[in-house]
Amino acid sequence: REALREARRASNERSQETDRYNYHQRLFDSESQSTQEFKRILELDKKKMEYINTTVILQNENIELRDTVEAVNAISNALSAQDDKLAKFELELIDRAIGVAQRERALEIQVAQFNQE
């Protein structure tokens, strides 16, 4: 009987140790899962921040490009206006050259008539 009691007591102790081990293992597994979940959340947050930073960088670059395009358009408009002024000036010079050529021809005709007389 004593041996049977001792065997039961030893079995109960082993069972309690096993239960304690299983409890600690479940606790460790739970903490490990929580840690894994926390790491996963941190990684997602890190990726989200990278996405936000990239978006901000792209928006800034877009603004810079828009400003550059506006500046180029303004320069293009100014050059176009200058080109129009130069074209008008060129037409005026052509008109003057035609006028001068006509007066020269008229003078040549007068000189020729004068020489015939």
PDB file of N, CA and C in Angstrom:
ATOM      1  N   ARG A   1       0.809  -1.194   0.000  1.00  0.00           N
ATOM      2  CA  ARG A   1       0.000   0.000   0.000  1.00  0.00           C
ATOM      3  C   ARG A   1       0.851   1.257   0.000  1.00  0.00           C
ATOM      4  N   GLU A   2       1.830   1.245   0.792  1.00  0.00           N
ATOM      5  CA  GLU A   2       2.731   2.395   0.862  1.00  0.00           C
ATOM      6  C   GLU A   2       3.371   2.659  -0.497  1.00  0.00           C
ATOM      7  N   ALA A   3       3.758   1.613  -1.147  1.00  0.00           N
ATOM      8  CA  ALA A   3       4.386   1.752  -2.467  1.00  0.00           C
ATOM      9  C   ALA A   3       3.372   2.301  -3.468  1.00  0.00           C
ATOM     10  N   LEU A   4       2.123   1.846  -3.322  1.00  0.00           N
ATOM     11  CA  LEU A   4       1.072   2.327  -4.210  1.00  0.00           C
ATOM     12  C   LEU A   4       0.825   3.818  -3.966  1.00  0.00           C
ATOM     13  N   ARG A   5       0.792   4.226  -2.694  1.00  0.00           N
ATOM     14  CA  ARG A   5       0.638   5.637  -2.367  1.00  0.00           C
ATOM     15  C   ARG A   5       1.804   6.461  -2.909  1.00  0.00           C
ATOM     16  N   GLU A   6       2.963   5.921  -2.732  1.00  0.00           N
ATOM     17  CA  GLU A   6       4.164   6.613  -3.224  1.00  0.00           C
ATOM     18  C   GLU A   6       4.121   6.747  -4.745  1.00  0.00           C
ATOM     19  N   ALA A   7       3.666   5.700  -5.402  1.00  0.00           N
ATOM     20  CA  ALA A   7       3.562   5.718  -6.864  1.00  0.00           C
ATOM     21  C   ALA A   7       2.521   6.751  -7.299  1.00  0.00           C
ATOM     22  N   ARG A   8       1.380   6.794  -6.554  1.00  0.00           N
ATOM     23  CA  ARG A   8       0.337   7.776  -6.878  1.00  0.00           C
ATOM     24  C   ARG A   8       0.845   9.198  -6.640  1.00  0.00           C
ATOM     25  N   ARG A   9       1.526   9.395  -5.526  1.00  0.00           N
ATOM     26  CA  ARG A   9       2.075  10.699  -5.210  1.00  0.00           C
ATOM     27  C   ARG A   9       3.081  11.130  -6.289  1.00  0.00           C
ATOM     28  N   ALA A  10       3.942  10.241  -6.696  1.00  0.00           N
ATOM     29  CA  ALA A  10       4.932  10.532  -7.742  1.00  0.00           C
ATOM     30  C   ALA A  10       4.224  10.819  -9.069  1.00  0.00           C
ATOM     31  N   SER A  11       3.166  10.048  -9.341  1.00  0.00           N
ATOM     32  CA  SER A  11       2.398  10.251 -10.573  1.00  0.00           C
ATOM     33  C   SER A  11       1.713  11.609 -10.538  1.00  0.00           C
ATOM     34  N   ASN A  12       1.150  11.956  -9.374  1.00  0.00           N
ATOM     35  CA  ASN A  12       0.507  13.270  -9.227  1.00  0.00           C
ATOM     36  C   ASN A  12       1.526  14.394  -9.395  1.00  0.00           C
ATOM     37  N   GLU A  13       2.709  14.224  -8.819  1.00  0.00           N
ATOM     38  CA  GLU A  13       3.749  15.245  -8.960  1.00  0.00           C
ATOM     39  C   GLU A  13       4.152  15.396 -10.424  1.00  0.00           C
ATOM     40  N   ARG A  14       4.324  14.252 -11.113  1.00  0.00           N
ATOM     41  CA  ARG A  14       4.668  14.308 -12.542  1.00  0.00           C
ATOM     42  C   ARG A  14       3.544  14.978 -13.330  1.00  0.00           C
ATOM     43  N   SER A  15       2.312  14.654 -12.952  1.00  0.00           N
ATOM     44  CA  SER A  15       1.166  15.251 -13.636  1.00  0.00           C
ATOM     45  C   SER A  15       1.131  16.754 -13.390  1.00  0.00           C
ATOM     46  N   GLN A  16       1.398  17.154 -12.154  1.00  0.00           N
ATOM     47  CA  GLN A  16       1.437  18.585 -11.839  1.00  0.00           C
ATOM     48  C   GLN A  16       2.583  19.278 -12.588  1.00  0.00           C
ATOM     49  N   GLU A  17       3.724  18.623 -12.627  1.00  0.00           N
ATOM     50  CA  GLU A  17       4.864  19.180 -13.376  1.00  0.00           C
ATOM     51  C   GLU A  17       4.527  19.294 -14.859  1.00  0.00           C
ATOM     52  N   THR A  18       3.873  18.253 -15.367  1.00  0.00           N
ATOM     53  CA  THR A  18       3.468  18.273 -16.780  1.00  0.00           C
ATOM     54  C   THR A  18       2.470  19.391 -17.018  1.00  0.00           C
ATOM     55  N   ASP A  19       1.498  19.532 -16.101  1.00  0.00           N
ATOM     56  CA  ASP A  19       0.516  20.609 -16.224  1.00  0.00           C
ATOM     57  C   ASP A  19       1.205  21.981 -16.177  1.00  0.00           C
ATOM     58  N   ARG A  20       2.149  22.137 -15.230  1.00  0.00           N
ATOM     59  CA  ARG A  20       2.893  23.386 -15.133  1.00  0.00           C
ATOM     60  C   ARG A  20       3.690  23.660 -16.422  1.00  0.00           C
ATOM     61  N   TYR A  21       4.341  22.591 -16.927  1.00  0.00           N
ATOM     62  CA  TYR A  21       5.099  22.718 -18.162  1.00  0.00           C
ATOM     63  C   TYR A  21       4.164  23.126 -19.304  1.00  0.00           C
ATOM     64  N   ASN A  22       3.019  22.448 -19.405  1.00  0.00           N
ATOM     65  CA  ASN A  22       2.062  22.765 -20.475  1.00  0.00           C
ATOM     66  C   ASN A  22       1.531  24.199 -20.342  1.00  0.00           C
ATOM     67  N   TYR A  23       1.270  24.615 -19.088  1.00  0.00           N
ATOM     68  CA  TYR A  23       0.803  25.971 -18.840  1.00  0.00           C
ATOM     69  C   TYR A  23       1.860  26.986 -19.316  1.00  0.00           C
ATOM     70  N   HIS A  24       3.101  26.750 -18.902  1.00  0.00           N
ATOM     71  CA  HIS A  24       4.180  27.659 -19.300  1.00  0.00           C
ATOM     72  C   HIS A  24       4.400  27.632 -20.816  1.00  0.00           C
ATOM     73  N   GLN A  25       4.264  26.446 -21.394  1.00  0.00           N
ATOM     74  CA  GLN A  25       4.422  26.338 -22.850  1.00  0.00           C
ATOM     75  C   GLN A  25       3.321  27.124 -23.568  1.00  0.00           C
ATOM     76  N   ARG A  26       2.062  26.983 -23.072  1.00  0.00           N
ATOM     77  CA  ARG A  26       0.960  27.748 -23.669  1.00  0.00           C
ATOM     78  C   ARG A  26       1.182  29.244 -23.478  1.00  0.00           C
ATOM     79  N   LEU A  27       1.632  29.633 -22.300  1.00  0.00           N
ATOM     80  CA  LEU A  27       1.928  31.030 -22.020  1.00  0.00           C
ATOM     81  C   LEU A  27       3.024  31.540 -22.964  1.00  0.00           C
ATOM     82  N   PHE A  28       4.080  30.747 -23.110  1.00  0.00           N
ATOM     83  CA  PHE A  28       5.171  31.116 -24.015  1.00  0.00           C
ATOM     84  C   PHE A  28       4.660  31.218 -25.453  1.00  0.00           C
ATOM     85  N   ASP A  29       3.861  30.212 -25.862  1.00  0.00           N
ATOM     86  CA  ASP A  29       3.314  30.230 -27.217  1.00  0.00           C
ATOM     87  C   ASP A  29       2.434  31.460 -27.420  1.00  0.00           C
ATOM     88  N   SER A  30       1.624  31.773 -26.421  1.00  0.00           N
ATOM     89  CA  SER A  30       0.753  32.940 -26.502  1.00  0.00           C
ATOM     90  C   SER A  30       1.585  34.220 -26.622  1.00  0.00           C
ATOM     91  N   GLU A  31       2.622  34.338 -25.771  1.00  0.00           N
ATOM     92  CA  GLU A  31       3.500  35.501 -25.836  1.00  0.00           C
ATOM     93  C   GLU A  31       4.236  35.536 -27.169  1.00  0.00           C
ATOM     94  N   SER A  32       4.625  34.372 -27.639  1.00  0.00           N
ATOM     95  CA  SER A  32       5.314  34.294 -28.922  1.00  0.00           C
ATOM     96  C   SER A  32       4.384  34.752 -30.046  1.00  0.00           C
ATOM     97  N   GLN A  33       3.128  34.325 -29.991  1.00  0.00           N
ATOM     98  CA  GLN A  33       2.151  34.758 -30.987  1.00  0.00           C
ATOM     99  C   GLN A  33       1.930  36.268 -30.899  1.00  0.00           C
ATOM    100  N   SER A  34       1.833  36.762 -29.662  1.00  0.00           N
ATOM    101  CA  SER A  34       1.660  38.207 -29.474  1.00  0.00           C
ATOM    102  C   SER A  34       2.865  38.959 -30.022  1.00  0.00           C
ATOM    103  N   THR A  35       4.045  38.423 -29.750  1.00  0.00           N
ATOM    104  CA  THR A  35       5.265  39.044 -30.263  1.00  0.00           C
ATOM    105  C   THR A  35       5.271  39.022 -31.781  1.00  0.00           C
ATOM    106  N   GLN A  36       4.902  37.883 -32.352  1.00  0.00           N
ATOM    107  CA  GLN A  36       4.837  37.770 -33.815  1.00  0.00           C
ATOM    108  C   GLN A  36       3.817  38.770 -34.374  1.00  0.00           C
ATOM    109  N   GLU A  37       2.668  38.859 -33.736  1.00  0.00           N
ATOM    110  CA  GLU A  37       1.625  39.782 -34.180  1.00  0.00           C
ATOM    111  C   GLU A  37       2.125  41.227 -34.067  1.00  0.00           C
ATOM    112  N   PHE A  38       2.798  41.520 -32.952  1.00  0.00           N
ATOM    113  CA  PHE A  38       3.347  42.860 -32.757  1.00  0.00           C
ATOM    114  C   PHE A  38       4.379  43.175 -33.836  1.00  0.00           C
ATOM    115  N   LYS A  39       5.249  42.222 -34.127  1.00  0.00           N
ATOM    116  CA  LYS A  39       6.255  42.416 -35.171  1.00  0.00           C
ATOM    117  C   LYS A  39       5.579  42.632 -36.525  1.00  0.00           C
ATOM    118  N   ARG A  40       4.533  41.865 -36.794  1.00  0.00           N
ATOM    119  CA  ARG A  40       3.811  41.997 -38.055  1.00  0.00           C
ATOM    120  C   ARG A  40       3.181  43.394 -38.153  1.00  0.00           C
ATOM    121  N   ILE A  41       2.576  43.858 -37.050  1.00  0.00           N
ATOM    122  CA  ILE A  41       1.963  45.187 -37.025  1.00  0.00           C
ATOM    123  C   ILE A  41       3.026  46.268 -37.226  1.00  0.00           C
ATOM    124  N   LEU A  42       4.186  46.112 -36.560  1.00  0.00           N
ATOM    125  CA  LEU A  42       5.272  47.075 -36.729  1.00  0.00           C
ATOM    126  C   LEU A  42       5.754  47.108 -38.178  1.00  0.00           C
ATOM    127  N   GLU A  43       5.866  45.931 -38.786  1.00  0.00           N
ATOM    128  CA  GLU A  43       6.300  45.860 -40.189  1.00  0.00           C
ATOM    129  C   GLU A  43       5.279  46.545 -41.100  1.00  0.00           C
ATOM    130  N   LEU A  44       3.988  46.310 -40.830  1.00  0.00           N
ATOM    131  CA  LEU A  44       2.939  46.965 -41.615  1.00  0.00           C
ATOM    132  C   LEU A  44       2.996  48.481 -41.429  1.00  0.00           C
ATOM    133  N   ASP A  45       3.197  48.912 -40.175  1.00  0.00           N
ATOM    134  CA  ASP A  45       3.316  50.347 -39.901  1.00  0.00           C
ATOM    135  C   ASP A  45       4.527  50.943 -40.617  1.00  0.00           C
ATOM    136  N   LYS A  46       5.625  50.191 -40.613  1.00  0.00           N
ATOM    137  CA  LYS A  46       6.831  50.659 -41.293  1.00  0.00           C
ATOM    138  C   LYS A  46       6.570  50.805 -42.795  1.00  0.00           C
ATOM    139  N   LYS A  47       5.902  49.816 -43.383  1.00  0.00           N
ATOM    140  CA  LYS A  47       5.586  49.877 -44.807  1.00  0.00           C
ATOM    141  C   LYS A  47       4.606  51.009 -45.098  1.00  0.00           C
ATOM    142  N   LYS A  48       3.663  51.205 -44.189  1.00  0.00           N
ATOM    143  CA  LYS A  48       2.702  52.294 -44.354  1.00  0.00           C
ATOM    144  C   LYS A  48       3.416  53.642 -44.324  1.00  0.00           C
ATOM    145  N   MET A  49       4.361  53.812 -43.409  1.00  0.00           N
ATOM    146  CA  MET A  49       5.117  55.060 -43.322  1.00  0.00           C
ATOM    147  C   MET A  49       5.972  55.253 -44.572  1.00  0.00           C
ATOM    148  N   GLU A  50       6.584  54.162 -45.063  1.00  0.00           N
ATOM    149  CA  GLU A  50       7.363  54.264 -46.301  1.00  0.00           C
ATOM    150  C   GLU A  50       6.460  54.703 -47.449  1.00  0.00           C
ATOM    151  N   TYR A  51       5.256  54.136 -47.504  1.00  0.00           N
ATOM    152  CA  TYR A  51       4.299  54.499 -48.558  1.00  0.00           C
ATOM    153  C   TYR A  51       3.927  55.979 -48.445  1.00  0.00           C
ATOM    154  N   ILE A  52       3.644  56.420 -47.211  1.00  0.00           N
ATOM    155  CA  ILE A  52       3.274  57.822 -46.991  1.00  0.00           C
ATOM    156  C   ILE A  52       4.433  58.728 -47.372  1.00  0.00           C
ATOM    157  N   ASN A  53       5.663  58.368 -46.951  1.00  0.00           N
ATOM    158  CA  ASN A  53       6.833  59.187 -47.289  1.00  0.00           C
ATOM    159  C   ASN A  53       7.036  59.246 -48.802  1.00  0.00           C
ATOM    160  N   THR A  54       6.866  58.109 -49.454  1.00  0.00           N
ATOM    161  CA  THR A  54       7.013  58.069 -50.916  1.00  0.00           C
ATOM    162  C   THR A  54       5.942  58.935 -51.566  1.00  0.00           C
ATOM    163  N   THR A  55       4.722  58.863 -51.042  1.00  0.00           N
ATOM    164  CA  THR A  55       3.632  59.672 -51.581  1.00  0.00           C
ATOM    165  C   THR A  55       3.934  61.163 -51.418  1.00  0.00           C
ATOM    166  N   VAL A  56       4.433  61.542 -50.262  1.00  0.00           N
ATOM    167  CA  VAL A  56       4.775  62.951 -50.021  1.00  0.00           C
ATOM    168  C   VAL A  56       5.887  63.395 -50.965  1.00  0.00           C
ATOM    169  N   ILE A  57       6.902  62.547 -51.127  1.00  0.00           N
ATOM    170  CA  ILE A  57       8.006  62.871 -52.041  1.00  0.00           C
ATOM    171  C   ILE A  57       7.470  63.058 -53.458  1.00  0.00           C
ATOM    172  N   LEU A  58       6.608  62.135 -53.888  1.00  0.00           N
ATOM    173  CA  LEU A  58       6.041  62.229 -55.242  1.00  0.00           C
ATOM    174  C   LEU A  58       5.177  63.480 -55.399  1.00  0.00           C
ATOM    175  N   GLN A  59       4.413  63.810 -54.368  1.00  0.00           N
ATOM    176  CA  GLN A  59       3.600  65.023 -54.431  1.00  0.00           C
ATOM    177  C   GLN A  59       4.487  66.260 -54.544  1.00  0.00           C
ATOM    178  N   ASN A  60       5.575  66.292 -53.777  1.00  0.00           N
ATOM    179  CA  ASN A  60       6.502  67.428 -53.854  1.00  0.00           C
ATOM    180  C   ASN A  60       7.135  67.520 -55.237  1.00  0.00           C
ATOM    181  N   GLU A  61       7.530  66.373 -55.774  1.00  0.00           N
ATOM    182  CA  GLU A  61       8.112  66.366 -57.117  1.00  0.00           C
ATOM    183  C   GLU A  61       7.076  66.811 -58.144  1.00  0.00           C
ATOM    184  N   ASN A  62       5.838  66.387 -57.947  1.00  0.00           N
ATOM    185  CA  ASN A  62       4.762  66.791 -58.859  1.00  0.00           C
ATOM    186  C   ASN A  62       4.565  68.307 -58.817  1.00  0.00           C
ATOM    187  N   ILE A  63       4.603  68.876 -57.621  1.00  0.00           N
ATOM    188  CA  ILE A  63       4.467  70.328 -57.469  1.00  0.00           C
ATOM    189  C   ILE A  63       5.639  71.033 -58.159  1.00  0.00           C
ATOM    190  N   GLU A  64       6.866  70.510 -57.949  1.00  0.00           N
ATOM    191  CA  GLU A  64       8.031  71.112 -58.597  1.00  0.00           C
ATOM    192  C   GLU A  64       7.907  71.028 -60.115  1.00  0.00           C
ATOM    193  N   LEU A  65       7.465  69.885 -60.613  1.00  0.00           N
ATOM    194  CA  LEU A  65       7.290  69.733 -62.062  1.00  0.00           C
ATOM    195  C   LEU A  65       6.224  70.686 -62.590  1.00  0.00           C
ATOM    196  N   ARG A  66       5.122  70.809 -61.855  1.00  0.00           N
ATOM    197  CA  ARG A  66       4.060  71.732 -62.268  1.00  0.00           C
ATOM    198  C   ARG A  66       4.591  73.161 -62.316  1.00  0.00           C
ATOM    199  N   ASP A  67       5.347  73.545 -61.282  1.00  0.00           N
ATOM    200  CA  ASP A  67       5.927  74.891 -61.258  1.00  0.00           C
ATOM    201  C   ASP A  67       6.894  75.096 -62.423  1.00  0.00           C
ATOM    202  N   THR A  68       7.679  74.063 -62.709  1.00  0.00           N
ATOM    203  CA  THR A  68       8.625  74.143 -63.829  1.00  0.00           C
ATOM    204  C   THR A  68       7.884  74.287 -65.150  1.00  0.00           C
ATOM    205  N   VAL A  69       6.823  73.499 -65.318  1.00  0.00           N
ATOM    206  CA  VAL A  69       6.020  73.587 -66.546  1.00  0.00           C
ATOM    207  C   VAL A  69       5.403  74.971 -66.676  1.00  0.00           C
ATOM    208  N   GLU A  70       4.898  75.518 -65.582  1.00  0.00           N
ATOM    209  CA  GLU A  70       4.321  76.864 -65.619  1.00  0.00           C
ATOM    210  C   GLU A  70       5.380  77.898 -65.997  1.00  0.00           C
ATOM    211  N   ALA A  71       6.591  77.747 -65.443  1.00  0.00           N
ATOM    212  CA  ALA A  71       7.669  78.682 -65.767  1.00  0.00           C
ATOM    213  C   ALA A  71       8.056  78.565 -67.243  1.00  0.00           C
ATOM    214  N   VAL A  72       8.148  77.331 -67.728  1.00  0.00           N
ATOM    215  CA  VAL A  72       8.488  77.123 -69.143  1.00  0.00           C
ATOM    216  C   VAL A  72       7.396  77.703 -70.039  1.00  0.00           C
ATOM    217  N   ASN A  73       6.146  77.506 -69.664  1.00  0.00           N
ATOM    218  CA  ASN A  73       5.037  78.077 -70.438  1.00  0.00           C
ATOM    219  C   ASN A  73       5.100  79.605 -70.451  1.00  0.00           C
ATOM    220  N   ALA A  74       5.421  80.197 -69.304  1.00  0.00           N
ATOM    221  CA  ALA A  74       5.531  81.654 -69.239  1.00  0.00           C
ATOM    222  C   ALA A  74       6.665  82.139 -70.141  1.00  0.00           C
ATOM    223  N   ILE A  75       7.797  81.434 -70.099  1.00  0.00           N
ATOM    224  CA  ILE A  75       8.923  81.802 -70.967  1.00  0.00           C
ATOM    225  C   ILE A  75       8.529  81.632 -72.428  1.00  0.00           C
ATOM    226  N   SER A  76       7.850  80.528 -72.722  1.00  0.00           N
ATOM    227  CA  SER A  76       7.406  80.272 -74.100  1.00  0.00           C
ATOM    228  C   SER A  76       6.464  81.375 -74.577  1.00  0.00           C
ATOM    229  N   ASN A  77       5.538  81.789 -73.709  1.00  0.00           N
ATOM    230  CA  ASN A  77       4.613  82.877 -74.072  1.00  0.00           C
ATOM    231  C   ASN A  77       5.365  84.193 -74.307  1.00  0.00           C
ATOM    232  N   ALA A  78       6.341  84.456 -73.447  1.00  0.00           N
ATOM    233  CA  ALA A  78       7.136  85.678 -73.600  1.00  0.00           C
ATOM    234  C   ALA A  78       7.926  85.632 -74.909  1.00  0.00           C
ATOM    235  N   LEU A  79       8.518  84.481 -75.206  1.00  0.00           N
ATOM    236  CA  LEU A  79       9.267  84.342 -76.457  1.00  0.00           C
ATOM    237  C   LEU A  79       8.343  84.468 -77.665  1.00  0.00           C
ATOM    238  N   SER A  80       7.147  83.925 -77.536  1.00  0.00           N
ATOM    239  CA  SER A  80       6.174  84.028 -78.622  1.00  0.00           C
ATOM    240  C   SER A  80       5.792  85.488 -78.860  1.00  0.00           C
ATOM    241  N   ALA A  81       5.613  86.231 -77.776  1.00  0.00           N
ATOM    242  CA  ALA A  81       5.289  87.659 -77.902  1.00  0.00           C
ATOM    243  C   ALA A  81       6.450  88.399 -78.559  1.00  0.00           C
ATOM    244  N   GLN A  82       7.677  88.080 -78.144  1.00  0.00           N
ATOM    245  CA  GLN A  82       8.852  88.711 -78.753  1.00  0.00           C
ATOM    246  C   GLN A  82       8.946  88.341 -80.232  1.00  0.00           C
ATOM    247  N   ASP A  83       8.643  87.084 -80.542  1.00  0.00           N
ATOM    248  CA  ASP A  83       8.663  86.628 -81.926  1.00  0.00           C
ATOM    249  C   ASP A  83       7.651  87.412 -82.757  1.00  0.00           C
ATOM    250  N   ASP A  84       6.467  87.641 -82.172  1.00  0.00           N
ATOM    251  CA  ASP A  84       5.449  88.441 -82.873  1.00  0.00           C
ATOM    252  C   ASP A  84       5.959  89.863 -83.128  1.00  0.00           C
ATOM    253  N   LYS A  85       6.605  90.453 -82.123  1.00  0.00           N
ATOM    254  CA  LYS A  85       7.147  91.810 -82.287  1.00  0.00           C
ATOM    255  C   LYS A  85       8.209  91.829 -83.383  1.00  0.00           C
ATOM    256  N   LEU A  86       9.073  90.823 -83.374  1.00  0.00           N
ATOM    257  CA  LEU A  86      10.118  90.757 -84.399  1.00  0.00           C
ATOM    258  C   LEU A  86       9.514  90.559 -85.787  1.00  0.00           C
ATOM    259  N   ALA A  87       8.472  89.753 -85.879  1.00  0.00           N
ATOM    260  CA  ALA A  87       7.818  89.536 -87.173  1.00  0.00           C
ATOM    261  C   ALA A  87       7.212  90.842 -87.681  1.00  0.00           C
ATOM    262  N   LYS A  88       6.577  91.613 -86.792  1.00  0.00           N
ATOM    263  CA  LYS A  88       6.010  92.911 -87.197  1.00  0.00           C
ATOM    264  C   LYS A  88       7.118  93.861 -87.641  1.00  0.00           C
ATOM    265  N   PHE A  89       8.204  93.872 -86.874  1.00  0.00           N
ATOM    266  CA  PHE A  89       9.336  94.736 -87.209  1.00  0.00           C
ATOM    267  C   PHE A  89       9.913  94.340 -88.564  1.00  0.00           C
ATOM    268  N   GLU A  90      10.020  93.017 -88.804  1.00  0.00           N
ATOM    269  CA  GLU A  90      10.526  92.522 -90.084  1.00  0.00           C
ATOM    270  C   GLU A  90       9.614  92.966 -91.230  1.00  0.00           C
ATOM    271  N   LEU A  91       8.286  92.887 -91.009  1.00  0.00           N
ATOM    272  CA  LEU A  91       7.354  93.350 -92.042  1.00  0.00           C
ATOM    273  C   LEU A  91       7.509  94.846 -92.310  1.00  0.00           C
ATOM    274  N   GLU A  92       7.708  95.624 -91.234  1.00  0.00           N
ATOM    275  CA  GLU A  92       7.931  97.063 -91.401  1.00  0.00           C
ATOM    276  C   GLU A  92       9.192  97.313 -92.215  1.00  0.00           C
ATOM    277  N   LEU A  93      10.253  96.565 -91.918  1.00  0.00           N
ATOM    278  CA  LEU A  93      11.499  96.730 -92.665  1.00  0.00           C
ATOM    279  C   LEU A  93      11.312  96.357 -94.139  1.00  0.00           C
ATOM    280  N   ILE A  94      10.570  95.295 -94.384  1.00  0.00           N
ATOM    281  CA  ILE A  94      10.296  94.888 -95.769  1.00  0.00           C
ATOM    282  C   ILE A  94       9.501  95.976 -96.481  1.00  0.00           C
ATOM    283  N   ASP A  95       8.472  96.506 -95.788  1.00  0.00           N
ATOM    284  CA  ASP A  95       7.676  97.596 -96.381  1.00  0.00           C
ATOM    285  C   ASP A  95       8.568  98.796 -96.687  1.00  0.00           C
ATOM    286  N   ARG A  96       9.453  99.159 -95.765  1.00  0.00           N
ATOM    287  CA  ARG A  96      10.369 100.284 -95.978  1.00  0.00           C
ATOM    288  C   ARG A  96      11.309  99.996 -97.151  1.00  0.00           C
ATOM    289  N   ALA A  97      11.812  98.746 -97.190  1.00  0.00           N
ATOM    290  CA  ALA A  97      12.720  98.385 -98.289  1.00  0.00           C
ATOM    291  C   ALA A  97      11.993  98.471 -99.629  1.00  0.00           C
ATOM    292  N   ILE A  98      10.745  98.046 -99.653  1.00  0.00           N
ATOM    293  CA  ILE A  98       9.949  98.146-100.888  1.00  0.00           C
ATOM    294  C   ILE A  98       9.752  99.616-101.247  1.00  0.00           C
ATOM    295  N   GLY A  99       9.444 100.438-100.246  1.00  0.00           N
ATOM    296  CA  GLY A  99       9.273 101.882-100.475  1.00  0.00           C
ATOM    297  C   GLY A  99      10.545 102.507-101.015  1.00  0.00           C
ATOM    298  N   VAL A 100      11.688 102.143-100.396  1.00  0.00           N
ATOM    299  CA  VAL A 100      12.978 102.672-100.849  1.00  0.00           C
ATOM    300  C   VAL A 100      13.245 102.216-102.279  1.00  0.00           C
ATOM    301  N   ALA A 101      12.984 100.946-102.576  1.00  0.00           N
ATOM    302  CA  ALA A 101      13.209 100.424-103.934  1.00  0.00           C
ATOM    303  C   ALA A 101      12.308 101.146-104.932  1.00  0.00           C
ATOM    304  N   GLN A 102      11.063 101.406-104.526  1.00  0.00           N
ATOM    305  CA  GLN A 102      10.140 102.119-105.434  1.00  0.00           C
ATOM    306  C   GLN A 102      10.634 103.539-105.694  1.00  0.00           C
ATOM    307  N   ARG A 103      11.111 104.227-104.636  1.00  0.00           N
ATOM    308  CA  ARG A 103      11.619 105.592-104.802  1.00  0.00           C
ATOM    309  C   ARG A 103      12.888 105.596-105.662  1.00  0.00           C
ATOM    310  N   GLU A 104      13.743 104.582-105.435  1.00  0.00           N
ATOM    311  CA  GLU A 104      14.949 104.482-106.259  1.00  0.00           C
ATOM    312  C   GLU A 104      14.577 104.305-107.732  1.00  0.00           C
ATOM    313  N   ARG A 105      13.596 103.415-107.974  1.00  0.00           N
ATOM    314  CA  ARG A 105      13.159 103.167-109.365  1.00  0.00           C
ATOM    315  C   ARG A 105      12.559 104.435-109.962  1.00  0.00           C
ATOM    316  N   ALA A 106      11.777 105.140-109.146  1.00  0.00           N
ATOM    317  CA  ALA A 106      11.178 106.401-109.629  1.00  0.00           C
ATOM    318  C   ALA A 106      12.264 107.403-109.959  1.00  0.00           C
ATOM    319  N   LEU A 107      13.310 107.487-109.077  1.00  0.00           N
ATOM    320  CA  LEU A 107      14.418 108.401-109.339  1.00  0.00           C
ATOM    321  C   LEU A 107      15.170 107.992-110.604  1.00  0.00           C
ATOM    322  N   GLU A 108      15.366 106.675-110.768  1.00  0.00           N
ATOM    323  CA  GLU A 108      16.055 106.191-111.975  1.00  0.00           C
ATOM    324  C   GLU A 108      15.270 106.591-113.238  1.00  0.00           C
ATOM    325  N   ILE A 109      13.944 106.466-113.143  1.00  0.00           N
ATOM    326  CA  ILE A 109      13.102 106.840-114.290  1.00  0.00           C
ATOM    327  C   ILE A 109      13.219 108.332-114.557  1.00  0.00           C
ATOM    328  N   GLN A 110      13.180 109.135-113.469  1.00  0.00           N
ATOM    329  CA  GLN A 110      13.315 110.593-113.628  1.00  0.00           C
ATOM    330  C   GLN A 110      14.660 110.960-114.217  1.00  0.00           C
ATOM    331  N   VAL A 111      15.701 110.276-113.722  1.00  0.00           N
ATOM    332  CA  VAL A 111      17.052 110.556-114.232  1.00  0.00           C
ATOM    333  C   VAL A 111      17.120 110.171-115.714  1.00  0.00           C
ATOM    334  N   ALA A 112      16.533 109.027-116.029  1.00  0.00           N
ATOM    335  CA  ALA A 112      16.538 108.606-117.443  1.00  0.00           C
ATOM    336  C   ALA A 112      15.773 109.596-118.316  1.00  0.00           C
ATOM    337  N   GLN A 113      14.653 110.078-117.816  1.00  0.00           N
ATOM    338  CA  GLN A 113      13.850 111.062-118.580  1.00  0.00           C
ATOM    339  C   GLN A 113      14.640 112.366-118.711  1.00  0.00           C
ATOM    340  N   PHE A 114      15.276 112.752-117.596  1.00  0.00           N
ATOM    341  CA  PHE A 114      16.045 113.985-117.606  1.00  0.00           C
ATOM    342  C   PHE A 114      17.202 113.870-118.608  1.00  0.00           C
ATOM    343  N   ASN A 115      17.827 112.716-118.633  1.00  0.00           N
ATOM    344  CA  ASN A 115      18.953 112.501-119.550  1.00  0.00           C
ATOM    345  C   ASN A 115      18.478 112.493-121.006  1.00  0.00           C
ATOM    346  N   GLN A 116      17.259 112.083-121.261  1.00  0.00           N
ATOM    347  CA  GLN A 116      16.719 112.059-122.629  1.00  0.00           C
ATOM    348  C   GLN A 116      16.399 113.465-123.112  1.00  0.00           C
ATOM    349  N   GLU A 117      16.132 114.328-122.204  1.00  0.00           N
ATOM    350  CA  GLU A 117      15.749 115.693-122.593  1.00  0.00           C
ATOM    351  C   GLU A 117      16.924 116.472-122.889  1.00  0.00           C
TER     352      GLU A 117
END
